[in-house]
Amino acid sequence: MLGKRVVSAAVMIPIVLAAVYLGGFYFLGVILLAALLAGYEYLKMMREKALTPSYLFGLLLIALLVLDAQWPQLGLLLWGVTLLPLALLIVEVFRGNAPGALVNWGLTIAGGVYIGLSLSHFVRLRAMDRGFLWLLLALLGTWICDTGAYFVGKGLGRHRFFPKVSPKKTLEGAIGGLISGVVAVVLLGYYMLGLGVGWGIVLGLLVVFGATFGDLAESVIKRQVGVKDSSNLIPGHGGMLDRIDSLLLAVPLVYYFASVITRLAS
């Protein structure tokens, strides 16, 4: 399992970093692809409980939310969160108010916002002043936190950490992720962005919180529908949603932190 994780990471990380560096349409394309794959996995997982949220409306909402971050002047966010939920309810009218219609409607909209709006912050963060560096810090900080938690948990883990949500995670692993993540963000923030140690610690805590609970949040979804992984797309990692779950909360938190810091500096 570890070997597969390492090989998959060795293939994926350079692609992601190259897209982050290049920005523009290259980066947008990678984020949009990841968003649609993760969205498809989310919607497919719901089938494990005989639920049928809409692939069409769910993926369309995700796409609109991501594209809005690239072209905010088009107002796609307002279009998406206003018209698509109403349109989906109208579809249910023509389906004769079938059993489970309200649950499927809610799951479609919730999944679209959870994945699409969260991933739109990748694009927003990259577009900021020094956005490449901020996003690079968010990615590296999250990956280092996850790696620290994984290896410390494997070697020293004894006490379960939210066992009803993620049975294999341990308190020791969480502490390992906390220490490695905060130290990494403090160093990266200082040398890449000139952040003081105090601000670096605050940002490090935000990244660790986002990485830890972003992962656990997806685990809640998987436990509810009774699956181990969102798919088997990525050897050793599960699906796309499994690969990006930590980032779905960590990157938005970095975005809002960077927005506040930028305003304070101006």
C-alpha atoms as a PDB file:
ATOM      1  CA  MET A   1       0.000   0.000   0.000  1.00  0.00           C
ATOM      2  CA  LEU A   2       2.770   2.457   0.921  1.00  0.00           C
ATOM      3  CA  GLY A   3       4.594   1.677  -2.320  1.00  0.00           C
ATOM      4  CA  LYS A   4       1.489   2.458  -4.363  1.00  0.00           C
ATOM      5  CA  ARG A   5       0.967   5.697  -2.444  1.00  0.00           C
ATOM      6  CA  VAL A   6       4.533   6.789  -3.130  1.00  0.00           C
ATOM      7  CA  VAL A   7       4.339   5.960  -6.851  1.00  0.00           C
ATOM      8  CA  SER A   8       0.989   7.733  -7.242  1.00  0.00           C
ATOM      9  CA  ALA A   9       2.294  10.783  -5.398  1.00  0.00           C
ATOM     10  CA  ALA A  10       5.463  10.813  -7.509  1.00  0.00           C
ATOM     11  CA  VAL A  11       3.311  10.984 -10.648  1.00  0.00           C
ATOM     12  CA  MET A  12       0.634  13.399  -9.447  1.00  0.00           C
ATOM     13  CA  ILE A  13       2.593  15.962  -7.433  1.00  0.00           C
ATOM     14  CA  PRO A  14       4.786  17.207 -10.328  1.00  0.00           C
ATOM     15  CA  ILE A  15       1.688  17.587 -12.510  1.00  0.00           C
ATOM     16  CA  VAL A  16      -0.112  19.587  -9.827  1.00  0.00           C
ATOM     17  CA  LEU A  17       2.903  21.771  -9.075  1.00  0.00           C
ATOM     18  CA  ALA A  18       3.475  22.455 -12.770  1.00  0.00           C
ATOM     19  CA  ALA A  19      -0.164  23.511 -13.161  1.00  0.00           C
ATOM     20  CA  VAL A  20       0.069  25.743 -10.081  1.00  0.00           C
ATOM     21  CA  TYR A  21       3.238  27.355 -11.456  1.00  0.00           C
ATOM     22  CA  LEU A  22       1.837  27.915 -14.950  1.00  0.00           C
ATOM     23  CA  GLY A  23      -1.516  29.213 -13.726  1.00  0.00           C
ATOM     24  CA  GLY A  24      -4.071  30.423 -16.252  1.00  0.00           C
ATOM     25  CA  PHE A  25      -5.971  27.903 -18.312  1.00  0.00           C
ATOM     26  CA  TYR A  26      -3.550  25.090 -17.450  1.00  0.00           C
ATOM     27  CA  PHE A  27      -4.344  25.465 -13.778  1.00  0.00           C
ATOM     28  CA  LEU A  28      -8.060  26.005 -14.370  1.00  0.00           C
ATOM     29  CA  GLY A  29      -8.189  22.829 -16.464  1.00  0.00           C
ATOM     30  CA  VAL A  30      -6.565  20.723 -13.740  1.00  0.00           C
ATOM     31  CA  ILE A  31      -8.869  22.124 -11.038  1.00  0.00           C
ATOM     32  CA  LEU A  32     -11.954  21.674 -13.198  1.00  0.00           C
ATOM     33  CA  LEU A  33     -10.996  18.077 -14.008  1.00  0.00           C
ATOM     34  CA  ALA A  34     -10.352  17.294 -10.338  1.00  0.00           C
ATOM     35  CA  ALA A  35     -13.642  18.929  -9.375  1.00  0.00           C
ATOM     36  CA  LEU A  36     -15.708  16.959 -11.884  1.00  0.00           C
ATOM     37  CA  LEU A  37     -14.013  13.657 -10.995  1.00  0.00           C
ATOM     38  CA  ALA A  38     -14.541  14.276  -7.273  1.00  0.00           C
ATOM     39  CA  GLY A  39     -18.126  15.338  -7.937  1.00  0.00           C
ATOM     40  CA  TYR A  40     -18.833  12.213  -9.943  1.00  0.00           C
ATOM     41  CA  GLU A  41     -17.394  10.065  -7.139  1.00  0.00           C
ATOM     42  CA  TYR A  42     -19.537  11.834  -4.555  1.00  0.00           C
ATOM     43  CA  LEU A  43     -22.703  11.375  -6.600  1.00  0.00           C
ATOM     44  CA  LYS A  44     -21.855   7.748  -7.350  1.00  0.00           C
ATOM     45  CA  MET A  45     -21.266   7.015  -3.647  1.00  0.00           C
ATOM     46  CA  MET A  46     -24.835   8.040  -2.930  1.00  0.00           C
ATOM     47  CA  ARG A  47     -25.984   5.085  -5.045  1.00  0.00           C
ATOM     48  CA  GLU A  48     -24.691   2.794  -2.268  1.00  0.00           C
ATOM     49  CA  LYS A  49     -27.745   3.843  -0.267  1.00  0.00           C
ATOM     50  CA  ALA A  50     -30.113   3.664  -3.226  1.00  0.00           C
ATOM     51  CA  LEU A  51     -30.128   7.465  -3.446  1.00  0.00           C
ATOM     52  CA  THR A  52     -30.173   9.127  -6.849  1.00  0.00           C
ATOM     53  CA  PRO A  53     -28.915  12.716  -6.812  1.00  0.00           C
ATOM     54  CA  SER A  54     -28.641  14.195 -10.291  1.00  0.00           C
ATOM     55  CA  TYR A  55     -25.333  13.720 -12.107  1.00  0.00           C
ATOM     56  CA  LEU A  56     -26.245  16.430 -14.616  1.00  0.00           C
ATOM     57  CA  PHE A  57     -27.245  19.146 -12.162  1.00  0.00           C
ATOM     58  CA  GLY A  58     -24.590  18.238  -9.591  1.00  0.00           C
ATOM     59  CA  LEU A  59     -21.702  18.346 -12.056  1.00  0.00           C
ATOM     60  CA  LEU A  60     -23.064  21.450 -13.769  1.00  0.00           C
ATOM     61  CA  LEU A  61     -23.253  23.258 -10.430  1.00  0.00           C
ATOM     62  CA  ILE A  62     -19.671  22.235  -9.615  1.00  0.00           C
ATOM     63  CA  ALA A  63     -18.451  23.474 -13.002  1.00  0.00           C
ATOM     64  CA  LEU A  64     -20.241  26.811 -12.661  1.00  0.00           C
ATOM     65  CA  LEU A  65     -18.841  27.434  -9.182  1.00  0.00           C
ATOM     66  CA  VAL A  66     -15.274  26.714 -10.324  1.00  0.00           C
ATOM     67  CA  LEU A  67     -15.628  28.779 -13.515  1.00  0.00           C
ATOM     68  CA  ASP A  68     -17.042  31.686 -11.513  1.00  0.00           C
ATOM     69  CA  ALA A  69     -13.708  31.954  -9.721  1.00  0.00           C
ATOM     70  CA  GLN A  70     -11.958  32.385 -13.084  1.00  0.00           C
ATOM     71  CA  TRP A  71     -14.514  34.834 -14.524  1.00  0.00           C
ATOM     72  CA  PRO A  72     -16.305  36.471 -11.568  1.00  0.00           C
ATOM     73  CA  GLN A  73     -17.590  39.223 -13.850  1.00  0.00           C
ATOM     74  CA  LEU A  74     -19.994  36.727 -15.443  1.00  0.00           C
ATOM     75  CA  GLY A  75     -21.864  36.171 -12.180  1.00  0.00           C
ATOM     76  CA  LEU A  76     -21.909  32.396 -12.593  1.00  0.00           C
ATOM     77  CA  LEU A  77     -22.000  31.875  -8.825  1.00  0.00           C
ATOM     78  CA  LEU A  78     -25.333  33.688  -8.585  1.00  0.00           C
ATOM     79  CA  TRP A  79     -26.667  31.851 -11.631  1.00  0.00           C
ATOM     80  CA  GLY A  80     -25.615  28.505 -10.232  1.00  0.00           C
ATOM     81  CA  VAL A  81     -26.921  28.766  -6.689  1.00  0.00           C
ATOM     82  CA  THR A  82     -30.160  30.476  -7.785  1.00  0.00           C
ATOM     83  CA  LEU A  83     -31.303  28.795 -10.972  1.00  0.00           C
ATOM     84  CA  LEU A  84     -29.981  25.227 -10.687  1.00  0.00           C
ATOM     85  CA  PRO A  85     -31.696  24.336  -7.389  1.00  0.00           C
ATOM     86  CA  LEU A  86     -34.968  25.733  -8.723  1.00  0.00           C
ATOM     87  CA  ALA A  87     -34.552  23.971 -12.057  1.00  0.00           C
ATOM     88  CA  LEU A  88     -33.920  20.674 -10.295  1.00  0.00           C
ATOM     89  CA  LEU A  89     -37.101  21.087  -8.252  1.00  0.00           C
ATOM     90  CA  ILE A  90     -39.015  21.736 -11.471  1.00  0.00           C
ATOM     91  CA  VAL A  91     -37.616  18.476 -12.864  1.00  0.00           C
ATOM     92  CA  GLU A  92     -39.049  16.724  -9.799  1.00  0.00           C
ATOM     93  CA  VAL A  93     -42.443  18.216 -10.650  1.00  0.00           C
ATOM     94  CA  PHE A  94     -42.337  16.510 -14.045  1.00  0.00           C
ATOM     95  CA  ARG A  95     -41.188  13.285 -12.363  1.00  0.00           C
ATOM     96  CA  GLY A  96     -44.401  13.331 -10.352  1.00  0.00           C
ATOM     97  CA  ASN A  97     -42.869  14.054  -6.928  1.00  0.00           C
ATOM     98  CA  ALA A  98     -41.222  10.620  -6.809  1.00  0.00           C
ATOM     99  CA  PRO A  99     -40.238   9.115  -3.431  1.00  0.00           C
ATOM    100  CA  GLY A 100     -36.932  10.506  -2.160  1.00  0.00           C
ATOM    101  CA  ALA A 101     -37.131  13.577  -4.403  1.00  0.00           C
ATOM    102  CA  LEU A 102     -36.351  16.034  -1.614  1.00  0.00           C
ATOM    103  CA  VAL A 103     -33.389  14.004  -0.308  1.00  0.00           C
ATOM    104  CA  ASN A 104     -31.927  13.650  -3.797  1.00  0.00           C
ATOM    105  CA  TRP A 105     -32.429  17.368  -4.437  1.00  0.00           C
ATOM    106  CA  GLY A 106     -30.638  18.258  -1.202  1.00  0.00           C
ATOM    107  CA  LEU A 107     -27.762  15.838  -1.839  1.00  0.00           C
ATOM    108  CA  THR A 108     -27.242  17.216  -5.344  1.00  0.00           C
ATOM    109  CA  ILE A 109     -27.040  20.818  -4.192  1.00  0.00           C
ATOM    110  CA  ALA A 110     -24.983  20.021  -1.085  1.00  0.00           C
ATOM    111  CA  GLY A 111     -22.438  18.011  -3.088  1.00  0.00           C
ATOM    112  CA  GLY A 112     -22.150  20.738  -5.695  1.00  0.00           C
ATOM    113  CA  VAL A 113     -21.453  23.394  -3.076  1.00  0.00           C
ATOM    114  CA  TYR A 114     -19.168  21.165  -0.984  1.00  0.00           C
ATOM    115  CA  ILE A 115     -16.901  20.322  -3.907  1.00  0.00           C
ATOM    116  CA  GLY A 116     -17.421  23.160  -6.386  1.00  0.00           C
ATOM    117  CA  LEU A 117     -17.331  26.111  -4.005  1.00  0.00           C
ATOM    118  CA  SER A 118     -14.432  24.668  -2.009  1.00  0.00           C
ATOM    119  CA  LEU A 119     -12.329  24.027  -5.115  1.00  0.00           C
ATOM    120  CA  SER A 120     -13.164  27.460  -6.519  1.00  0.00           C
ATOM    121  CA  HIS A 121     -10.941  28.859  -3.763  1.00  0.00           C
ATOM    122  CA  PHE A 122      -7.942  27.217  -5.426  1.00  0.00           C
ATOM    123  CA  VAL A 123      -8.516  29.457  -8.435  1.00  0.00           C
ATOM    124  CA  ARG A 124      -9.229  32.516  -6.287  1.00  0.00           C
ATOM    125  CA  LEU A 125      -6.095  31.991  -4.216  1.00  0.00           C
ATOM    126  CA  ARG A 126      -3.907  31.503  -7.301  1.00  0.00           C
ATOM    127  CA  ALA A 127      -5.252  34.756  -8.764  1.00  0.00           C
ATOM    128  CA  MET A 128      -4.226  36.823  -5.731  1.00  0.00           C
ATOM    129  CA  ASP A 129      -1.062  38.878  -5.503  1.00  0.00           C
ATOM    130  CA  ARG A 130       1.717  36.325  -4.892  1.00  0.00           C
ATOM    131  CA  GLY A 131      -0.994  33.716  -5.335  1.00  0.00           C
ATOM    132  CA  PHE A 132       1.440  31.109  -6.598  1.00  0.00           C
ATOM    133  CA  LEU A 133       3.342  31.252  -3.314  1.00  0.00           C
ATOM    134  CA  TRP A 134       0.213  31.262  -1.142  1.00  0.00           C
ATOM    135  CA  LEU A 135      -1.209  28.255  -2.952  1.00  0.00           C
ATOM    136  CA  LEU A 136       2.122  26.447  -2.889  1.00  0.00           C
ATOM    137  CA  LEU A 137       2.268  26.997   0.881  1.00  0.00           C
ATOM    138  CA  ALA A 138      -1.276  25.644   1.277  1.00  0.00           C
ATOM    139  CA  LEU A 139      -0.491  22.525  -0.753  1.00  0.00           C
ATOM    140  CA  LEU A 140       2.877  21.760   0.818  1.00  0.00           C
ATOM    141  CA  GLY A 141       1.643  22.508   4.331  1.00  0.00           C
ATOM    142  CA  THR A 142      -1.341  20.194   3.903  1.00  0.00           C
ATOM    143  CA  TRP A 143       0.705  17.399   2.348  1.00  0.00           C
ATOM    144  CA  ILE A 144       3.347  17.616   5.071  1.00  0.00           C
ATOM    145  CA  CYS A 145       0.658  17.591   7.753  1.00  0.00           C
ATOM    146  CA  ASP A 146      -0.983  14.531   6.185  1.00  0.00           C
ATOM    147  CA  THR A 147       2.377  12.774   5.833  1.00  0.00           C
ATOM    148  CA  GLY A 148       3.368  13.494   9.421  1.00  0.00           C
ATOM    149  CA  ALA A 149       0.019  12.239  10.690  1.00  0.00           C
ATOM    150  CA  TYR A 150       0.282   9.085   8.577  1.00  0.00           C
ATOM    151  CA  PHE A 151       3.765   8.029   9.682  1.00  0.00           C
ATOM    152  CA  VAL A 152       3.401   9.006  13.340  1.00  0.00           C
ATOM    153  CA  GLY A 153       0.044   7.269  13.449  1.00  0.00           C
ATOM    154  CA  LYS A 154       1.510   4.153  11.877  1.00  0.00           C
ATOM    155  CA  GLY A 155       4.482   4.028  14.217  1.00  0.00           C
ATOM    156  CA  LEU A 156       3.140   5.347  17.502  1.00  0.00           C
ATOM    157  CA  GLY A 157      -0.631   5.387  17.197  1.00  0.00           C
ATOM    158  CA  ARG A 158      -2.454   3.891  20.193  1.00  0.00           C
ATOM    159  CA  HIS A 159      -5.421   6.101  21.023  1.00  0.00           C
ATOM    160  CA  ARG A 160      -8.273   6.415  18.544  1.00  0.00           C
ATOM    161  CA  PHE A 161      -9.167   9.852  17.179  1.00  0.00           C
ATOM    162  CA  PHE A 162     -12.883  10.125  16.299  1.00  0.00           C
ATOM    163  CA  PRO A 163     -13.172   6.323  15.891  1.00  0.00           C
ATOM    164  CA  LYS A 164     -16.807   6.422  14.753  1.00  0.00           C
ATOM    165  CA  VAL A 165     -15.774   8.636  11.844  1.00  0.00           C
ATOM    166  CA  SER A 166     -12.364   7.248  10.847  1.00  0.00           C
ATOM    167  CA  PRO A 167     -11.423   4.080  12.774  1.00  0.00           C
ATOM    168  CA  LYS A 168      -7.748   4.027  11.751  1.00  0.00           C
ATOM    169  CA  LYS A 169      -6.872   7.587  12.742  1.00  0.00           C
ATOM    170  CA  THR A 170      -5.165   8.081  16.097  1.00  0.00           C
ATOM    171  CA  LEU A 171      -4.578  10.950  18.495  1.00  0.00           C
ATOM    172  CA  GLU A 172      -0.833  10.411  18.179  1.00  0.00           C
ATOM    173  CA  GLY A 173      -1.106  10.726  14.420  1.00  0.00           C
ATOM    174  CA  ALA A 174      -3.101  13.941  14.777  1.00  0.00           C
ATOM    175  CA  ILE A 175      -0.412  15.372  17.064  1.00  0.00           C
ATOM    176  CA  GLY A 176       2.273  14.339  14.559  1.00  0.00           C
ATOM    177  CA  GLY A 177       0.337  16.127  11.827  1.00  0.00           C
ATOM    178  CA  LEU A 178      -0.083  19.181  14.044  1.00  0.00           C
ATOM    179  CA  ILE A 179       3.626  19.508  14.790  1.00  0.00           C
ATOM    180  CA  SER A 180       4.854  18.754  11.271  1.00  0.00           C
ATOM    181  CA  GLY A 181       2.209  20.969   9.659  1.00  0.00           C
ATOM    182  CA  VAL A 182       2.748  24.006  11.871  1.00  0.00           C
ATOM    183  CA  VAL A 183       6.545  23.802  11.621  1.00  0.00           C
ATOM    184  CA  ALA A 184       6.339  23.454   7.840  1.00  0.00           C
ATOM    185  CA  VAL A 185       3.966  26.399   7.434  1.00  0.00           C
ATOM    186  CA  VAL A 186       6.007  28.637   9.738  1.00  0.00           C
ATOM    187  CA  LEU A 187       9.165  27.938   7.731  1.00  0.00           C
ATOM    188  CA  LEU A 188       7.454  28.184   4.342  1.00  0.00           C
ATOM    189  CA  GLY A 189       5.635  31.347   5.328  1.00  0.00           C
ATOM    190  CA  TYR A 190       8.822  32.989   6.572  1.00  0.00           C
ATOM    191  CA  TYR A 191      11.068  32.131   3.643  1.00  0.00           C
ATOM    192  CA  MET A 192       8.498  32.323   0.833  1.00  0.00           C
ATOM    193  CA  LEU A 193       6.219  35.145   1.936  1.00  0.00           C
ATOM    194  CA  GLY A 194       8.089  36.963   4.680  1.00  0.00           C
ATOM    195  CA  LEU A 195       5.479  36.105   7.323  1.00  0.00           C
ATOM    196  CA  GLY A 196       6.493  36.645  10.918  1.00  0.00           C
ATOM    197  CA  VAL A 197       6.644  33.630  13.188  1.00  0.00           C
ATOM    198  CA  GLY A 198       3.460  34.655  15.015  1.00  0.00           C
ATOM    199  CA  TRP A 199       1.421  34.890  11.823  1.00  0.00           C
ATOM    200  CA  GLY A 200       3.073  31.691  10.622  1.00  0.00           C
ATOM    201  CA  ILE A 201       1.870  29.824  13.701  1.00  0.00           C
ATOM    202  CA  VAL A 202      -1.675  31.128  13.208  1.00  0.00           C
ATOM    203  CA  LEU A 203      -1.625  30.101   9.562  1.00  0.00           C
ATOM    204  CA  GLY A 204      -0.072  26.751  10.457  1.00  0.00           C
ATOM    205  CA  LEU A 205      -2.870  26.026  12.918  1.00  0.00           C
ATOM    206  CA  LEU A 206      -5.444  26.948  10.275  1.00  0.00           C
ATOM    207  CA  VAL A 207      -3.816  24.655   7.699  1.00  0.00           C
ATOM    208  CA  VAL A 208      -3.606  21.761  10.174  1.00  0.00           C
ATOM    209  CA  PHE A 209      -7.213  22.272  11.243  1.00  0.00           C
ATOM    210  CA  GLY A 210      -8.316  22.370   7.609  1.00  0.00           C
ATOM    211  CA  ALA A 211      -6.258  19.331   6.614  1.00  0.00           C
ATOM    212  CA  THR A 212      -7.398  17.264   9.596  1.00  0.00           C
ATOM    213  CA  PHE A 213     -11.082  18.089   9.580  1.00  0.00           C
ATOM    214  CA  GLY A 214     -11.386  18.296   5.812  1.00  0.00           C
ATOM    215  CA  ASP A 215     -10.297  14.657   5.769  1.00  0.00           C
ATOM    216  CA  LEU A 216     -12.638  13.724   8.620  1.00  0.00           C
ATOM    217  CA  ALA A 217     -15.533  15.556   6.966  1.00  0.00           C
ATOM    218  CA  GLU A 218     -15.249  13.345   3.896  1.00  0.00           C
ATOM    219  CA  SER A 219     -15.012  10.329   6.196  1.00  0.00           C
ATOM    220  CA  VAL A 220     -18.433  11.246   7.592  1.00  0.00           C
ATOM    221  CA  ILE A 221     -19.849  11.075   4.066  1.00  0.00           C
ATOM    222  CA  LYS A 222     -18.195   7.710   3.377  1.00  0.00           C
ATOM    223  CA  ARG A 223     -19.314   6.205   6.695  1.00  0.00           C
ATOM    224  CA  GLN A 224     -22.884   7.355   6.073  1.00  0.00           C
ATOM    225  CA  VAL A 225     -23.047   5.488   2.767  1.00  0.00           C
ATOM    226  CA  GLY A 226     -20.866   2.554   3.872  1.00  0.00           C
ATOM    227  CA  VAL A 227     -17.846   2.830   1.571  1.00  0.00           C
ATOM    228  CA  LYS A 228     -14.124   2.803   2.354  1.00  0.00           C
ATOM    229  CA  ASP A 229     -12.932   4.956  -0.549  1.00  0.00           C
ATOM    230  CA  SER A 230     -14.699   7.324  -2.911  1.00  0.00           C
ATOM    231  CA  SER A 231     -13.377   5.199  -5.820  1.00  0.00           C
ATOM    232  CA  ASN A 232     -10.270   3.233  -6.857  1.00  0.00           C
ATOM    233  CA  LEU A 233      -9.080   5.842  -9.350  1.00  0.00           C
ATOM    234  CA  ILE A 234      -5.690   6.506  -7.716  1.00  0.00           C
ATOM    235  CA  PRO A 235      -3.694   3.441  -6.560  1.00  0.00           C
ATOM    236  CA  GLY A 236      -2.962   3.611  -2.844  1.00  0.00           C
ATOM    237  CA  HIS A 237      -5.076   6.727  -2.327  1.00  0.00           C
ATOM    238  CA  GLY A 238      -8.598   5.740  -3.346  1.00  0.00           C
ATOM    239  CA  GLY A 239     -10.453   8.298  -5.405  1.00  0.00           C
ATOM    240  CA  MET A 240      -9.972  11.925  -6.388  1.00  0.00           C
ATOM    241  CA  LEU A 241     -12.197  13.040  -3.525  1.00  0.00           C
ATOM    242  CA  ASP A 242     -10.045  11.024  -1.107  1.00  0.00           C
ATOM    243  CA  ARG A 243      -6.949  12.746  -2.495  1.00  0.00           C
ATOM    244  CA  ILE A 244      -8.245  16.314  -2.186  1.00  0.00           C
ATOM    245  CA  ASP A 245     -10.479  16.079   0.903  1.00  0.00           C
ATOM    246  CA  SER A 246      -7.908  17.702   3.220  1.00  0.00           C
ATOM    247  CA  LEU A 247      -7.413  20.558   0.770  1.00  0.00           C
ATOM    248  CA  LEU A 248     -11.140  21.302   0.456  1.00  0.00           C
ATOM    249  CA  LEU A 249     -11.012  23.064   3.822  1.00  0.00           C
ATOM    250  CA  ALA A 250      -7.318  23.961   4.090  1.00  0.00           C
ATOM    251  CA  VAL A 251      -7.121  26.004   0.875  1.00  0.00           C
ATOM    252  CA  PRO A 252     -10.203  28.180   1.601  1.00  0.00           C
ATOM    253  CA  LEU A 253      -8.799  28.920   5.067  1.00  0.00           C
ATOM    254  CA  VAL A 254      -5.476  29.982   3.524  1.00  0.00           C
ATOM    255  CA  TYR A 255      -7.371  32.124   1.012  1.00  0.00           C
ATOM    256  CA  TYR A 256      -9.237  34.029   3.722  1.00  0.00           C
ATOM    257  CA  PHE A 257      -6.093  34.355   5.836  1.00  0.00           C
ATOM    258  CA  ALA A 258      -4.180  35.729   2.841  1.00  0.00           C
ATOM    259  CA  SER A 259      -7.044  38.148   2.097  1.00  0.00           C
ATOM    260  CA  VAL A 260      -6.915  39.530   5.646  1.00  0.00           C
ATOM    261  CA  ILE A 261      -3.110  39.784   5.663  1.00  0.00           C
ATOM    262  CA  THR A 262      -3.141  41.563   2.285  1.00  0.00           C
ATOM    263  CA  ARG A 263      -5.667  44.129   3.537  1.00  0.00           C
ATOM    264  CA  LEU A 264      -3.725  44.729   6.741  1.00  0.00           C
ATOM    265  CA  ALA A 265      -0.531  45.306   4.757  1.00  0.00           C
ATOM    266  CA  SER A 266      -2.136  47.816   2.393  1.00  0.00           C
END
